[in-house]
Each structure stands twice: as structure tokens, then as C-alpha cells.
Amino acid sequence: MGATEARDDADAAVPLGGARLRALLAALALRAGHTTSVEALIDDVWHEHPPHDAPAALQALIGRLRRALGKDAIESAPGGYRLTADPDDIDLHRFEALVRDGQSALDRGDADTAARTLREALALWRGPALADLPDRTAAARPEAQRLEATRLRIEADLRLGRGRELVPEVRELIGTHPYDEPLHAQLIRALRDTGRGADALAAYEAMRRTLADGLGTDPGPELQALHAELLNAGMQNPGAQNAGVLNTGTHNPELPHPGSPTPN
């Protein structure tokens, strides 16, 4: 979640030295509390360019890391090494726990708690996931979790009526993730909820063309339901639709609000 760093009990940064040492700490922290094999650590630290005597080079790095963090910070175990830190002391594990809490709050209808918790989780990010590891494969999962947490936080904010302030943020995210249908749905909802029905329809059409041109696919069910809702509202209030304003009070009660819980 950015460059790897360590902090002491007073929250002061602990000097770690070079990139190899940071990569080693990142690899151990990724599996905190569990033993990581020597082979896996060598691959994490050097990837495709290990030194001639890689096990000895790794042992030397372990010694340097112990001097930086304290000799008890890293335990030797059969076949490998283990970081003794509690998972709660590692940002990635804290992030995952906070996202679970935010998801639970959203599931029970507490959008305010969900938005706060998910903001706290996302604030832990200071840059790309596992930035010091030379192989970016391990970063794919946390990066996907980061995007999902962002979507969840946007969903919470939509439920809190913050559509107007979300529009520019979601547009920027779509620029990075042009085929992400949930983000497109959130943009359309944010536009709709702030009375911009014509803009919401235009956003749907732009998304439809993007999917057709880039992937050869049609929008999924949620987006199609949103489109039908917008068209229905426009027929009920054509003057507002032509003016680029959608009266959200004309929402069809027979159509479920996208993203809202389905009644039992």
C-alpha cells in the first residue's frame, strides 16, 4: 500500500535501508504469522534475477532486517522464516478487516457507518500495493480489493444523498476503468439522483458504445434496468427530460432502486 515502511511503538519510522530489504519485509508482512519458505522469499525479493548463492544472500538480508526491527521480529522456522507481527499491525490486513466491517454496515443499512469505515480503510493507501516487490502478480488481489472498497464507499455515499459530489470522482474512476459496469451504474445513479436525467441517459449511451466497441458486449441487467427507469421517468415528465432535468419524484415504484436490498 505504497513503499514498505516499519514503525516503532512510538509510531516513528524505522530506517530500513535499500529496496531489497523493503521487498523482504513486504513479502514477510504479506504472510504475517505464517512461515514463508526460503524459495518463495527468494522469488519475492529477486524475482527473475536471483544472485548466485541466493539462500546465503537471503540469510544476510534476514540478519539486516533483524538488526533494523529487533532480533525477535523474525523467527526462523523449518524451511523458512516468519514475521512475528500481529496482522492488525500490518496495513494490508487492517485494510481488509475494515472493508469487511464497512461491507457489513452497508448490508445492515447503516450507510453512515459504512462510509466512515470505508474511508478509514482507503486512507491506509499511500501508493500502489506491495510497491517494493519486483513481481507485480501479488499486487493484483489487494488492488482489486481497493477498487471494490471504493465502489462500496461510493454506494454508501449514494445512499446518503451525496450524488452531486460523487459525479466528478466517479467520472475520473471510469477513465481508469472504462469497462467497469458497477462504476458506470453508480455514475448514472448519481446523475439521476441530482436531477440530471438527460446527462444520465447520455452517460448510459456512452457506456453502451464503450462496451460494444471495446468488448463486443451489451450492458448488464443492472444498467439495462437503470436505462428503462430513466426512459420511463422521461416519458412521465418529458419537459424536464428535454431540459436535462429529471424529477426524481417520478421514479417508477415498480422498479427496484439499483443497489438497494431486495425485499424478502
Protein backbone atom coordinates (compact mmCIF):
# COMPACT_ATOMS: atom_id res chain seq x y z
CA MET A 1 0.00 0.00 0.00
CA GLY A 2 2.81 2.25 -1.04
CA ALA A 3 6.50 1.92 -0.25
CA THR A 4 7.11 -0.55 2.56
CA GLU A 5 7.90 1.05 5.91
CA ALA A 6 8.07 -0.02 9.53
CA ARG A 7 7.20 1.98 12.64
CA ASP A 8 8.18 1.51 16.26
CA ASP A 9 5.93 1.64 19.34
CA ALA A 10 6.14 5.45 19.31
CA ASP A 11 4.97 5.48 15.65
CA ALA A 12 8.37 6.71 14.49
CA ALA A 13 9.68 5.41 11.16
CA VAL A 14 12.31 2.69 11.39
CA PRO A 15 15.12 3.07 8.81
CA LEU A 16 15.09 0.03 6.55
CA GLY A 17 17.80 0.68 4.01
CA GLY A 18 17.56 -0.40 0.40
CA ALA A 19 14.93 -1.83 -1.91
CA ARG A 20 15.85 -5.48 -1.23
CA LEU A 21 15.27 -5.08 2.49
CA ARG A 22 11.91 -3.38 1.88
CA ALA A 23 10.94 -6.15 -0.53
CA LEU A 24 11.82 -8.79 2.06
CA LEU A 25 9.72 -7.07 4.73
CA ALA A 26 6.80 -6.73 2.30
CA ALA A 27 6.98 -10.44 1.44
CA LEU A 28 7.03 -11.44 5.11
CA ALA A 29 4.26 -8.98 6.04
CA LEU A 30 2.04 -10.34 3.28
CA ARG A 31 2.02 -13.64 5.20
CA ALA A 32 2.34 -12.30 8.75
CA GLY A 33 2.09 -15.03 11.37
CA HIS A 34 2.79 -17.73 8.78
CA THR A 35 6.04 -19.28 7.67
CA THR A 36 7.26 -18.29 4.21
CA SER A 37 9.63 -20.71 2.52
CA VAL A 38 13.14 -19.71 1.54
CA GLU A 39 12.30 -20.38 -2.10
CA ALA A 40 9.24 -18.10 -2.00
CA LEU A 41 11.18 -15.30 -0.33
CA ILE A 42 13.97 -15.53 -2.90
CA ASP A 43 11.39 -15.28 -5.67
CA ASP A 44 9.64 -12.34 -3.95
CA VAL A 45 12.84 -10.38 -3.39
CA TRP A 46 14.76 -11.07 -6.62
CA HIS A 47 12.05 -12.48 -8.94
CA GLU A 48 13.78 -13.46 -12.20
CA HIS A 49 17.27 -12.29 -11.21
CA PRO A 50 18.37 -14.11 -8.04
CA PRO A 51 22.06 -13.94 -7.02
CA HIS A 52 24.34 -16.92 -7.50
CA ASP A 53 24.07 -18.08 -3.86
CA ALA A 54 20.52 -16.88 -3.22
CA PRO A 55 19.93 -18.72 0.13
CA ALA A 56 23.07 -17.14 1.61
CA ALA A 57 22.08 -13.72 0.26
CA LEU A 58 18.61 -14.14 1.79
CA GLN A 59 20.11 -15.13 5.14
CA ALA A 60 22.22 -11.97 5.08
CA LEU A 61 19.13 -9.87 4.35
CA ILE A 62 17.27 -11.55 7.21
CA GLY A 63 20.13 -10.59 9.52
CA ARG A 64 19.97 -6.96 8.40
CA LEU A 65 16.20 -6.87 8.84
CA ARG A 66 16.51 -8.32 12.35
CA ARG A 67 19.01 -5.60 13.23
CA ALA A 68 16.57 -2.97 11.98
CA LEU A 69 13.40 -4.36 13.60
CA GLY A 70 14.76 -6.30 16.56
CA LYS A 71 16.05 -9.86 16.68
CA ASP A 72 12.67 -11.27 17.76
CA ALA A 73 10.77 -9.67 14.87
CA ILE A 74 11.60 -12.53 12.51
CA GLU A 75 11.56 -16.15 13.61
CA SER A 76 13.39 -18.96 11.88
CA ALA A 77 11.13 -21.92 11.14
CA PRO A 78 11.65 -25.24 9.36
CA GLY A 79 12.15 -24.33 5.71
CA GLY A 80 11.69 -20.59 6.05
CA TYR A 81 11.02 -17.50 8.17
CA ARG A 82 8.04 -15.91 9.88
CA LEU A 83 7.28 -12.27 10.76
CA THR A 84 6.03 -12.21 14.35
CA ALA A 85 3.93 -9.06 13.98
CA ASP A 86 0.22 -9.22 14.70
CA PRO A 87 -1.84 -8.98 11.48
CA ASP A 88 -3.62 -5.95 12.99
CA ASP A 89 -0.26 -4.13 12.91
CA ILE A 90 0.02 -4.53 9.14
CA ASP A 91 -1.81 -2.04 6.94
CA LEU A 92 -2.96 -4.55 4.32
CA HIS A 93 -4.57 -6.78 6.95
CA ARG A 94 -6.13 -3.77 8.71
CA PHE A 95 -7.48 -2.60 5.36
CA GLU A 96 -9.11 -5.97 4.68
CA ALA A 97 -10.69 -6.05 8.16
CA LEU A 98 -12.07 -2.51 7.81
CA VAL A 99 -13.52 -3.31 4.38
CA ARG A 100 -15.31 -6.32 5.88
CA ASP A 101 -16.71 -4.07 8.62
CA GLY A 102 -17.80 -1.48 6.05
CA GLN A 103 -19.50 -4.12 3.92
CA SER A 104 -21.34 -5.45 6.99
CA ALA A 105 -22.54 -1.96 7.91
CA LEU A 106 -23.80 -1.40 4.37
CA ASP A 107 -25.55 -4.78 4.35
CA ARG A 108 -27.47 -3.88 7.51
CA GLY A 109 -28.47 -0.48 6.11
CA ASP A 110 -26.08 1.70 8.11
CA ALA A 111 -24.70 3.77 5.25
CA ASP A 112 -23.18 6.43 7.51
CA THR A 113 -21.03 3.92 9.43
CA ALA A 114 -20.16 2.16 6.18
CA ALA A 115 -18.96 5.39 4.54
CA ARG A 116 -16.80 6.33 7.55
CA THR A 117 -15.30 2.85 7.91
CA LEU A 118 -14.52 2.51 4.22
CA ARG A 119 -12.91 5.96 4.14
CA GLU A 120 -10.70 4.89 7.04
CA ALA A 121 -9.75 1.74 5.12
CA LEU A 122 -8.93 3.61 1.91
CA ALA A 123 -6.91 6.22 3.81
CA LEU A 124 -4.34 3.50 4.59
CA TRP A 125 -3.26 3.50 0.95
CA ARG A 126 -0.21 5.63 0.15
CA GLY A 127 0.55 4.24 -3.29
CA PRO A 128 0.46 1.01 -5.32
CA ALA A 129 0.02 -2.26 -3.45
CA LEU A 130 3.25 -4.04 -2.47
CA ALA A 131 5.20 -1.40 -4.35
CA ASP A 132 8.61 -2.83 -3.40
CA LEU A 133 8.05 -6.33 -4.80
CA PRO A 134 9.62 -6.69 -8.26
CA ASP A 135 6.90 -9.13 -9.41
CA ARG A 136 3.55 -7.30 -9.55
CA THR A 137 1.49 -10.53 -9.55
CA ALA A 138 0.93 -10.45 -5.78
CA ALA A 139 -0.40 -6.88 -6.02
CA ALA A 140 -3.37 -7.85 -8.21
CA ARG A 141 -5.56 -9.05 -5.33
CA PRO A 142 -5.11 -6.06 -2.99
CA GLU A 143 -5.53 -3.65 -5.92
CA ALA A 144 -8.83 -5.36 -6.79
CA GLN A 145 -9.87 -5.11 -3.13
CA ARG A 146 -9.04 -1.40 -3.19
CA LEU A 147 -11.32 -0.84 -6.19
CA GLU A 148 -14.11 -2.85 -4.58
CA ALA A 149 -13.76 -0.84 -1.35
CA THR A 150 -14.01 2.35 -3.41
CA ARG A 151 -17.20 1.10 -5.05
CA LEU A 152 -18.65 0.21 -1.65
CA ARG A 153 -17.82 3.67 -0.29
CA ILE A 154 -19.45 5.31 -3.31
CA GLU A 155 -22.52 3.13 -2.77
CA ALA A 156 -22.70 4.29 0.86
CA ASP A 157 -22.37 7.92 -0.22
CA LEU A 158 -25.10 7.47 -2.84
CA ARG A 159 -27.44 6.15 -0.16
CA LEU A 160 -26.59 9.23 1.93
CA GLY A 161 -27.65 11.57 -0.90
CA ARG A 162 -24.17 12.73 -1.90
CA GLY A 163 -24.63 12.18 -5.62
CA ARG A 164 -23.64 15.68 -6.67
CA GLU A 165 -20.17 15.49 -5.15
CA LEU A 166 -19.65 11.95 -6.43
CA VAL A 167 -20.10 12.71 -10.14
CA PRO A 168 -16.56 14.05 -10.83
CA GLU A 169 -14.94 11.33 -8.73
CA VAL A 170 -16.78 8.50 -10.48
CA ARG A 171 -16.09 10.01 -13.91
CA GLU A 172 -12.37 10.01 -13.07
CA LEU A 173 -12.51 6.38 -11.94
CA ILE A 174 -14.28 5.39 -15.14
CA GLY A 175 -11.45 6.99 -17.09
CA THR A 176 -9.13 4.45 -15.45
CA HIS A 177 -11.61 1.54 -15.53
CA PRO A 178 -13.69 2.12 -18.69
CA TYR A 179 -15.29 -1.35 -18.71
CA ASP A 180 -16.29 -1.38 -15.03
CA GLU A 181 -20.09 -1.67 -15.21
CA PRO A 182 -20.73 -1.08 -11.47
CA LEU A 183 -18.91 2.27 -11.71
CA HIS A 184 -20.95 3.23 -14.77
CA ALA A 185 -24.13 2.33 -12.87
CA GLN A 186 -23.03 4.50 -9.95
CA LEU A 187 -22.36 7.44 -12.24
CA ILE A 188 -25.80 7.11 -13.83
CA ARG A 189 -27.44 6.89 -10.41
CA ALA A 190 -25.52 9.93 -9.14
CA LEU A 191 -26.65 11.95 -12.18
CA ARG A 192 -30.22 10.74 -11.83
CA ASP A 193 -30.36 11.45 -8.11
CA THR A 194 -29.26 15.06 -8.66
CA GLY A 195 -31.93 15.69 -11.28
CA ARG A 196 -29.70 15.33 -14.35
CA GLY A 197 -31.78 12.80 -16.26
CA ALA A 198 -30.57 13.79 -19.73
CA ASP A 199 -26.95 13.55 -18.58
CA ALA A 200 -27.69 10.14 -17.06
CA LEU A 201 -29.09 8.93 -20.39
CA ALA A 202 -26.05 10.32 -22.19
CA ALA A 203 -23.77 8.52 -19.73
CA TYR A 204 -25.63 5.28 -20.41
CA GLU A 205 -25.26 5.70 -24.17
CA ALA A 206 -21.53 6.49 -23.85
CA MET A 207 -21.08 3.39 -21.70
CA ARG A 208 -23.07 1.24 -24.16
CA ARG A 209 -20.79 2.33 -27.01
CA THR A 210 -17.67 1.72 -24.92
CA LEU A 211 -18.72 -1.84 -24.14
CA ALA A 212 -19.79 -2.54 -27.71
CA ASP A 213 -16.65 -1.11 -29.30
CA GLY A 214 -14.16 -2.44 -26.75
CA LEU A 215 -15.61 -5.79 -25.68
CA GLY A 216 -18.39 -6.54 -28.15
CA THR A 217 -20.90 -6.87 -25.30
CA ASP A 218 -24.13 -5.22 -24.17
CA PRO A 219 -24.75 -3.60 -20.77
CA GLY A 220 -25.69 -5.98 -17.97
CA PRO A 221 -29.07 -6.26 -16.20
CA GLU A 222 -28.47 -3.51 -13.63
CA LEU A 223 -27.56 -0.97 -16.29
CA GLN A 224 -30.46 -2.01 -18.51
CA ALA A 225 -32.85 -1.61 -15.57
CA LEU A 226 -31.46 1.86 -14.91
CA HIS A 227 -31.89 2.78 -18.56
CA ALA A 228 -35.52 1.59 -18.56
CA GLU A 229 -36.17 3.58 -15.40
CA LEU A 230 -34.72 6.74 -16.93
CA LEU A 231 -36.77 6.33 -20.11
CA ASN A 232 -39.92 5.72 -18.09
CA ALA A 233 -39.31 8.81 -15.98
CA GLY A 234 -38.67 10.85 -19.13
CA MET A 235 -41.99 9.75 -20.64
CA GLN A 236 -43.80 10.76 -17.46
CA ASN A 237 -42.12 14.17 -17.44
CA PRO A 238 -40.90 14.91 -20.99
CA GLY A 239 -40.39 18.62 -20.40
CA ALA A 240 -37.95 18.02 -17.59
CA GLN A 241 -36.16 15.35 -19.62
CA ASN A 242 -35.69 17.64 -22.61
CA ALA A 243 -34.35 20.35 -20.33
CA GLY A 244 -31.77 17.95 -18.93
CA VAL A 245 -33.52 17.74 -15.57
CA LEU A 246 -35.14 14.62 -14.22
CA ASN A 247 -37.67 14.95 -11.42
CA THR A 248 -36.66 12.06 -9.20
CA GLY A 249 -40.11 12.13 -7.66
CA THR A 250 -41.32 10.40 -10.84
CA HIS A 251 -39.32 7.26 -10.03
CA ASN A 252 -41.36 4.21 -11.01
CA PRO A 253 -42.30 2.48 -7.73
CA GLU A 254 -42.46 -0.88 -9.52
CA LEU A 255 -38.78 -0.70 -10.44
CA PRO A 256 -36.30 -1.50 -7.64
CA HIS A 257 -33.62 1.06 -6.87
CA PRO A 258 -30.36 -0.40 -8.27
CA GLY A 259 -28.08 -1.46 -5.46
CA SER A 260 -30.88 -1.43 -2.87
CA PRO A 261 -31.76 -4.57 -0.88
CA THR A 262 -34.38 -6.83 -2.49
CA PRO A 263 -37.44 -7.33 -0.26
CA ASN A 264 -37.93 -10.82 1.08
